[in-house]
Amino acid sequence: MKRRRSLQDKALLALRQAVKEVVERHRKTGRLLAVWKNGKVKRVSAAQ
């Protein structure tokens, strides 16, 4: 029998899917992504 997902599980899945879509869109258009690294905001290419 299939286990029902909690609201938290559904939210995490939706967030992960949204991030994948944003990264893919930025990769296709060549735009940089803003990421948090070592306490600072850095802009990196989506290919990384």
N, C-alpha and C. Protein backbone atom coordinates (compact mmCIF):
# COMPACT_ATOMS: atom_id res chain seq x y z
N MET A 1 0.83 -1.16 0.00
CA MET A 1 0.00 0.00 0.00
C MET A 1 0.89 1.24 0.00
N LYS A 2 0.46 2.26 -0.73
CA LYS A 2 1.22 3.49 -0.87
C LYS A 2 1.09 4.36 0.38
N ARG A 3 2.25 4.85 0.86
CA ARG A 3 2.25 5.70 2.06
C ARG A 3 1.87 7.12 1.68
N ARG A 4 1.04 7.75 2.48
CA ARG A 4 0.64 9.14 2.24
C ARG A 4 1.76 10.06 2.67
N ARG A 5 2.03 11.06 1.86
CA ARG A 5 3.08 12.02 2.18
C ARG A 5 2.54 13.10 3.10
N SER A 6 3.41 13.53 4.02
CA SER A 6 3.02 14.62 4.92
C SER A 6 3.10 15.94 4.15
N LEU A 7 2.57 16.97 4.74
CA LEU A 7 2.61 18.29 4.13
C LEU A 7 4.06 18.75 3.96
N GLN A 8 4.90 18.43 4.92
CA GLN A 8 6.32 18.79 4.85
C GLN A 8 6.99 18.07 3.67
N ASP A 9 6.71 16.80 3.47
CA ASP A 9 7.27 16.06 2.35
C ASP A 9 6.83 16.66 1.02
N LYS A 10 5.56 17.02 0.93
CA LYS A 10 5.04 17.63 -0.30
C LYS A 10 5.71 18.97 -0.57
N ALA A 11 5.93 19.76 0.48
CA ALA A 11 6.57 21.06 0.33
C ALA A 11 8.01 20.90 -0.14
N LEU A 12 8.74 19.95 0.43
CA LEU A 12 10.12 19.71 0.02
C LEU A 12 10.20 19.26 -1.44
N LEU A 13 9.29 18.40 -1.85
CA LEU A 13 9.27 17.94 -3.24
C LEU A 13 8.99 19.11 -4.19
N ALA A 14 8.05 19.97 -3.82
CA ALA A 14 7.71 21.13 -4.65
C ALA A 14 8.89 22.09 -4.74
N LEU A 15 9.59 22.31 -3.63
CA LEU A 15 10.74 23.20 -3.62
C LEU A 15 11.87 22.65 -4.48
N ARG A 16 12.15 21.37 -4.36
CA ARG A 16 13.20 20.74 -5.18
C ARG A 16 12.88 20.84 -6.67
N GLN A 17 11.63 20.61 -7.02
CA GLN A 17 11.22 20.70 -8.42
C GLN A 17 11.38 22.13 -8.94
N ALA A 18 10.99 23.11 -8.12
CA ALA A 18 11.12 24.51 -8.52
C ALA A 18 12.58 24.89 -8.73
N VAL A 19 13.46 24.43 -7.85
CA VAL A 19 14.89 24.72 -7.99
C VAL A 19 15.44 24.10 -9.27
N LYS A 20 15.06 22.87 -9.56
CA LYS A 20 15.50 22.21 -10.80
C LYS A 20 15.09 23.02 -12.02
N GLU A 21 13.85 23.52 -12.01
CA GLU A 21 13.36 24.29 -13.15
C GLU A 21 14.11 25.60 -13.31
N VAL A 22 14.40 26.27 -12.20
CA VAL A 22 15.13 27.53 -12.26
C VAL A 22 16.56 27.30 -12.77
N VAL A 23 17.23 26.29 -12.25
CA VAL A 23 18.60 25.99 -12.70
C VAL A 23 18.60 25.68 -14.18
N GLU A 24 17.66 24.88 -14.64
CA GLU A 24 17.59 24.52 -16.06
C GLU A 24 17.33 25.75 -16.92
N ARG A 25 16.43 26.63 -16.49
CA ARG A 25 16.13 27.84 -17.24
C ARG A 25 17.36 28.75 -17.32
N HIS A 26 18.09 28.88 -16.22
CA HIS A 26 19.29 29.71 -16.22
C HIS A 26 20.39 29.08 -17.08
N ARG A 27 20.48 27.76 -17.05
CA ARG A 27 21.48 27.08 -17.88
C ARG A 27 21.21 27.33 -19.36
N LYS A 28 19.95 27.24 -19.76
CA LYS A 28 19.60 27.43 -21.16
C LYS A 28 19.82 28.86 -21.63
N THR A 29 19.58 29.84 -20.75
CA THR A 29 19.70 31.23 -21.14
C THR A 29 21.08 31.82 -20.84
N GLY A 30 21.93 31.08 -20.13
CA GLY A 30 23.27 31.56 -19.82
C GLY A 30 23.33 32.56 -18.68
N ARG A 31 22.27 32.68 -17.92
CA ARG A 31 22.24 33.62 -16.79
C ARG A 31 22.95 33.01 -15.58
N LEU A 32 23.44 33.86 -14.71
CA LEU A 32 24.11 33.42 -13.49
C LEU A 32 23.09 33.15 -12.39
N LEU A 33 23.43 32.23 -11.50
CA LEU A 33 22.60 31.93 -10.33
C LEU A 33 23.24 32.56 -9.10
N ALA A 34 22.44 33.07 -8.21
CA ALA A 34 22.93 33.58 -6.93
C ALA A 34 22.83 32.45 -5.91
N VAL A 35 23.96 32.12 -5.28
CA VAL A 35 24.00 31.05 -4.28
C VAL A 35 24.68 31.57 -3.02
N TRP A 36 24.35 30.96 -1.90
CA TRP A 36 24.94 31.31 -0.62
C TRP A 36 26.09 30.35 -0.38
N LYS A 37 27.32 30.89 -0.20
CA LYS A 37 28.49 30.04 0.00
C LYS A 37 29.42 30.71 1.01
N ASN A 38 29.77 29.99 2.06
CA ASN A 38 30.68 30.49 3.09
C ASN A 38 30.22 31.83 3.66
N GLY A 39 28.93 31.98 3.87
CA GLY A 39 28.40 33.17 4.48
C GLY A 39 28.28 34.37 3.55
N LYS A 40 28.50 34.17 2.26
CA LYS A 40 28.41 35.26 1.30
C LYS A 40 27.60 34.82 0.08
N VAL A 41 27.04 35.80 -0.59
CA VAL A 41 26.31 35.52 -1.82
C VAL A 41 27.31 35.53 -2.96
N LYS A 42 27.26 34.48 -3.79
CA LYS A 42 28.13 34.39 -4.96
C LYS A 42 27.25 34.16 -6.18
N ARG A 43 27.72 34.64 -7.30
CA ARG A 43 27.02 34.41 -8.56
C ARG A 43 27.83 33.38 -9.35
N VAL A 44 27.20 32.27 -9.71
CA VAL A 44 27.88 31.20 -10.43
C VAL A 44 27.05 30.80 -11.64
N SER A 45 27.71 30.20 -12.61
CA SER A 45 26.98 29.75 -13.78
C SER A 45 26.18 28.50 -13.41
N ALA A 46 25.11 28.26 -14.11
CA ALA A 46 24.26 27.11 -13.83
C ALA A 46 24.96 25.79 -14.17
N ALA A 47 25.99 25.85 -15.00
CA ALA A 47 26.73 24.66 -15.37
C ALA A 47 27.49 24.08 -14.18
N GLN A 48 27.81 24.91 -13.20
CA GLN A 48 28.53 24.44 -12.01
C GLN A 48 27.56 23.76 -11.13
